[in-house]
Amino acid sequence: MANSAAPRPRRIGEQIRRDLAELIRAELSDPRLTLVSTTSVEVSRDLAYARIYVTAVCEPDERAELVAELNRAAPLLRRGLGQRLRTRTVPKLEFRYDETVERGARLSALIDAAVAADAERHRDEVPPSAETGSEDAA
């Protein structure tokens, strides 16, 4: 269910993302779900299905439980969306955990570690321009 380049599914997806943020905060009583952020929404071309990607500030072992809780609450959230969206049908909701944020942070940390290791390895080496400059001064 790739998010198509069609403007309508993309617009509806953005509206769903905004509305779900409010609905999750207002309608769901689980305090852990207040830490959930909706990162993106992919809506099928026929607007029948929406895949919602979320992140949360939590331990890695709690992620699956949060996503399962959101999927259990999907019918309630879908009803709330039905009252807000001006569409003939409201997409069936499927929540998934979005790992791109953590993957990006891991890659950034690896790059920083590699740069630091490279700088440490070359710290003792004197650049060639500094060597020639000292000979000219003598």
C-alpha atoms as a PDB file:
ATOM      1  CA  MET A   1       0.000   0.000   0.000  1.00  0.00           C
ATOM      2  CA  ALA A   2       2.453   2.606  -1.162  1.00  0.00           C
ATOM      3  CA  ASN A   3       1.360   6.164  -0.645  1.00  0.00           C
ATOM      4  CA  SER A   4       0.582   7.140  -4.183  1.00  0.00           C
ATOM      5  CA  ALA A   5       1.521  10.401  -5.794  1.00  0.00           C
ATOM      6  CA  ALA A   6      -2.184  11.196  -6.119  1.00  0.00           C
ATOM      7  CA  PRO A   7      -2.956  14.388  -4.232  1.00  0.00           C
ATOM      8  CA  ARG A   8      -6.233  13.260  -2.647  1.00  0.00           C
ATOM      9  CA  PRO A   9      -4.876  10.259  -0.693  1.00  0.00           C
ATOM     10  CA  ARG A  10      -1.937  12.408   0.404  1.00  0.00           C
ATOM     11  CA  ARG A  11      -4.261  15.215   1.604  1.00  0.00           C
ATOM     12  CA  ILE A  12      -6.539  12.756   3.396  1.00  0.00           C
ATOM     13  CA  GLY A  13      -3.481  11.132   4.998  1.00  0.00           C
ATOM     14  CA  GLU A  14      -2.295  14.467   6.362  1.00  0.00           C
ATOM     15  CA  GLN A  15      -5.765  15.223   7.720  1.00  0.00           C
ATOM     16  CA  ILE A  16      -5.918  11.771   9.351  1.00  0.00           C
ATOM     17  CA  ARG A  17      -2.482  12.352  10.915  1.00  0.00           C
ATOM     18  CA  ARG A  18      -3.598  15.660  12.455  1.00  0.00           C
ATOM     19  CA  ASP A  19      -6.978  14.330  13.632  1.00  0.00           C
ATOM     20  CA  LEU A  20      -5.510  11.135  15.092  1.00  0.00           C
ATOM     21  CA  ALA A  21      -3.046  13.124  17.187  1.00  0.00           C
ATOM     22  CA  GLU A  22      -5.980  14.902  18.820  1.00  0.00           C
ATOM     23  CA  LEU A  23      -8.150  11.781  19.084  1.00  0.00           C
ATOM     24  CA  ILE A  24      -5.425   9.669  20.698  1.00  0.00           C
ATOM     25  CA  ARG A  25      -4.819  12.374  23.286  1.00  0.00           C
ATOM     26  CA  ALA A  26      -8.519  13.057  23.973  1.00  0.00           C
ATOM     27  CA  GLU A  27     -10.259   9.704  23.569  1.00  0.00           C
ATOM     28  CA  LEU A  28      -7.832   7.071  24.845  1.00  0.00           C
ATOM     29  CA  SER A  29      -7.398   6.722  28.585  1.00  0.00           C
ATOM     30  CA  ASP A  30      -4.073   4.843  28.541  1.00  0.00           C
ATOM     31  CA  PRO A  31      -1.495   7.371  29.822  1.00  0.00           C
ATOM     32  CA  ARG A  32       1.311   5.654  27.859  1.00  0.00           C
ATOM     33  CA  LEU A  33      -0.421   6.592  24.622  1.00  0.00           C
ATOM     34  CA  THR A  34      -0.037  10.306  25.344  1.00  0.00           C
ATOM     35  CA  LEU A  35       3.654   9.859  24.449  1.00  0.00           C
ATOM     36  CA  VAL A  36       2.807   8.537  20.977  1.00  0.00           C
ATOM     37  CA  SER A  37       3.596  10.694  17.948  1.00  0.00           C
ATOM     38  CA  THR A  38       2.135  10.029  14.522  1.00  0.00           C
ATOM     39  CA  THR A  39       4.959  10.385  12.004  1.00  0.00           C
ATOM     40  CA  SER A  40       3.191   9.571   8.737  1.00  0.00           C
ATOM     41  CA  VAL A  41       0.074   8.079   7.204  1.00  0.00           C
ATOM     42  CA  GLU A  42      -0.148   6.070   3.990  1.00  0.00           C
ATOM     43  CA  VAL A  43      -3.641   5.953   2.513  1.00  0.00           C
ATOM     44  CA  SER A  44      -4.572   3.481  -0.210  1.00  0.00           C
ATOM     45  CA  ARG A  45      -5.652   4.872  -3.550  1.00  0.00           C
ATOM     46  CA  ASP A  46      -9.271   3.854  -2.969  1.00  0.00           C
ATOM     47  CA  LEU A  47      -9.176   5.402   0.557  1.00  0.00           C
ATOM     48  CA  ALA A  48     -10.199   2.077   2.103  1.00  0.00           C
ATOM     49  CA  TYR A  49      -7.059   1.537   4.202  1.00  0.00           C
ATOM     50  CA  ALA A  50      -4.692   3.772   6.122  1.00  0.00           C
ATOM     51  CA  ARG A  51      -1.382   2.643   7.569  1.00  0.00           C
ATOM     52  CA  ILE A  52      -0.364   4.929  10.415  1.00  0.00           C
ATOM     53  CA  TYR A  53       3.278   5.063  11.493  1.00  0.00           C
ATOM     54  CA  VAL A  54       3.916   6.088  15.092  1.00  0.00           C
ATOM     55  CA  THR A  55       6.861   6.602  17.416  1.00  0.00           C
ATOM     56  CA  ALA A  56       6.954   6.821  21.171  1.00  0.00           C
ATOM     57  CA  VAL A  57       9.389   7.674  23.921  1.00  0.00           C
ATOM     58  CA  CYS A  58       9.520   4.291  25.588  1.00  0.00           C
ATOM     59  CA  GLU A  59      11.616   1.196  26.095  1.00  0.00           C
ATOM     60  CA  PRO A  60      12.047  -1.006  23.010  1.00  0.00           C
ATOM     61  CA  ASP A  61      10.133  -3.882  24.627  1.00  0.00           C
ATOM     62  CA  GLU A  62       7.088  -1.620  25.197  1.00  0.00           C
ATOM     63  CA  ARG A  63       6.744  -0.624  21.525  1.00  0.00           C
ATOM     64  CA  ALA A  64       4.892  -3.747  20.402  1.00  0.00           C
ATOM     65  CA  GLU A  65       2.471  -3.363  23.305  1.00  0.00           C
ATOM     66  CA  LEU A  66       1.750   0.277  22.422  1.00  0.00           C
ATOM     67  CA  VAL A  67       1.133  -0.570  18.774  1.00  0.00           C
ATOM     68  CA  ALA A  68      -1.128  -3.468  19.800  1.00  0.00           C
ATOM     69  CA  GLU A  69      -3.087  -1.113  22.065  1.00  0.00           C
ATOM     70  CA  LEU A  70      -3.501   1.395  19.235  1.00  0.00           C
ATOM     71  CA  ASN A  71      -4.678  -1.362  16.892  1.00  0.00           C
ATOM     72  CA  ARG A  72      -7.212  -2.477  19.527  1.00  0.00           C
ATOM     73  CA  ALA A  73      -8.432   1.134  19.763  1.00  0.00           C
ATOM     74  CA  ALA A  74      -8.553   1.499  15.943  1.00  0.00           C
ATOM     75  CA  PRO A  75     -12.370   1.057  15.673  1.00  0.00           C
ATOM     76  CA  LEU A  76     -12.942   3.811  18.257  1.00  0.00           C
ATOM     77  CA  LEU A  77     -10.441   6.093  16.527  1.00  0.00           C
ATOM     78  CA  ARG A  78     -12.011   5.309  13.155  1.00  0.00           C
ATOM     79  CA  ARG A  79     -15.426   6.364  14.487  1.00  0.00           C
ATOM     80  CA  GLY A  80     -13.902   9.618  15.744  1.00  0.00           C
ATOM     81  CA  LEU A  81     -12.325  10.187  12.342  1.00  0.00           C
ATOM     82  CA  GLY A  82     -15.698   9.535  10.700  1.00  0.00           C
ATOM     83  CA  GLN A  83     -17.138  12.481  12.607  1.00  0.00           C
ATOM     84  CA  ARG A  84     -14.273  14.744  11.507  1.00  0.00           C
ATOM     85  CA  LEU A  85     -13.499  13.698   7.931  1.00  0.00           C
ATOM     86  CA  ARG A  86     -15.713  14.826   5.088  1.00  0.00           C
ATOM     87  CA  THR A  87     -15.383  11.619   3.078  1.00  0.00           C
ATOM     88  CA  ARG A  88     -17.866   8.981   2.047  1.00  0.00           C
ATOM     89  CA  THR A  89     -15.837   6.217   3.671  1.00  0.00           C
ATOM     90  CA  VAL A  90     -13.358   6.277   6.526  1.00  0.00           C
ATOM     91  CA  PRO A  91     -10.262   4.147   5.971  1.00  0.00           C
ATOM     92  CA  LYS A  92      -9.636   1.067   8.074  1.00  0.00           C
ATOM     93  CA  LEU A  93      -6.727   1.940  10.378  1.00  0.00           C
ATOM     94  CA  GLU A  94      -3.583  -0.116  10.882  1.00  0.00           C
ATOM     95  CA  PHE A  95      -0.880   1.155  13.238  1.00  0.00           C
ATOM     96  CA  ARG A  96       2.811   0.318  12.834  1.00  0.00           C
ATOM     97  CA  TYR A  97       5.871   1.437  14.730  1.00  0.00           C
ATOM     98  CA  ASP A  98       8.097   3.773  12.723  1.00  0.00           C
ATOM     99  CA  GLU A  99      11.715   2.840  13.276  1.00  0.00           C
ATOM    100  CA  THR A 100      13.191   5.442  10.926  1.00  0.00           C
ATOM    101  CA  VAL A 101      13.780   7.945  13.738  1.00  0.00           C
ATOM    102  CA  GLU A 102      15.772   5.453  15.807  1.00  0.00           C
ATOM    103  CA  ARG A 103      17.547   4.115  12.731  1.00  0.00           C
ATOM    104  CA  GLY A 104      18.602   7.667  11.849  1.00  0.00           C
ATOM    105  CA  ALA A 105      19.840   8.289  15.394  1.00  0.00           C
ATOM    106  CA  ARG A 106      21.833   5.025  15.324  1.00  0.00           C
ATOM    107  CA  LEU A 107      23.407   5.935  11.972  1.00  0.00           C
ATOM    108  CA  SER A 108      24.233   9.415  13.209  1.00  0.00           C
ATOM    109  CA  ALA A 109      25.896   7.943  16.325  1.00  0.00           C
ATOM    110  CA  LEU A 110      27.909   5.535  14.164  1.00  0.00           C
ATOM    111  CA  ILE A 111      29.056   8.369  11.912  1.00  0.00           C
ATOM    112  CA  ASP A 112      30.035  10.491  14.931  1.00  0.00           C
ATOM    113  CA  ALA A 113      31.977   7.554  16.415  1.00  0.00           C
ATOM    114  CA  ALA A 114      33.793   6.955  13.112  1.00  0.00           C
ATOM    115  CA  VAL A 115      34.718  10.640  12.780  1.00  0.00           C
ATOM    116  CA  ALA A 116      35.955  10.734  16.394  1.00  0.00           C
ATOM    117  CA  ALA A 117      37.995   7.546  15.891  1.00  0.00           C
ATOM    118  CA  ASP A 118      39.499   8.954  12.697  1.00  0.00           C
ATOM    119  CA  ALA A 119      40.370  12.233  14.418  1.00  0.00           C
ATOM    120  CA  GLU A 120      41.976  10.333  17.308  1.00  0.00           C
ATOM    121  CA  ARG A 121      43.989   8.165  14.931  1.00  0.00           C
ATOM    122  CA  HIS A 122      45.297  11.196  13.008  1.00  0.00           C
ATOM    123  CA  ARG A 123      45.788  13.474  16.002  1.00  0.00           C
ATOM    124  CA  ASP A 124      49.459  12.532  16.417  1.00  0.00           C
ATOM    125  CA  GLU A 125      50.246  13.086  12.757  1.00  0.00           C
ATOM    126  CA  VAL A 126      51.517  16.557  11.851  1.00  0.00           C
ATOM    127  CA  PRO A 127      50.152  17.925   8.583  1.00  0.00           C
ATOM    128  CA  PRO A 128      52.822  18.263   5.833  1.00  0.00           C
ATOM    129  CA  SER A 129      52.335  22.036   5.568  1.00  0.00           C
ATOM    130  CA  ALA A 130      53.238  22.460   9.256  1.00  0.00           C
ATOM    131  CA  GLU A 131      56.502  20.514   8.781  1.00  0.00           C
ATOM    132  CA  THR A 132      57.687  22.675   5.868  1.00  0.00           C
ATOM    133  CA  GLY A 133      56.662  25.860   7.630  1.00  0.00           C
ATOM    134  CA  SER A 134      58.884  25.070  10.649  1.00  0.00           C
ATOM    135  CA  GLU A 135      61.921  24.484   8.427  1.00  0.00           C
ATOM    136  CA  ASP A 136      61.480  27.871   6.758  1.00  0.00           C
ATOM    137  CA  ALA A 137      61.379  29.631  10.113  1.00  0.00           C
ATOM    138  CA  ALA A 138      64.742  28.157  11.248  1.00  0.00           C
END
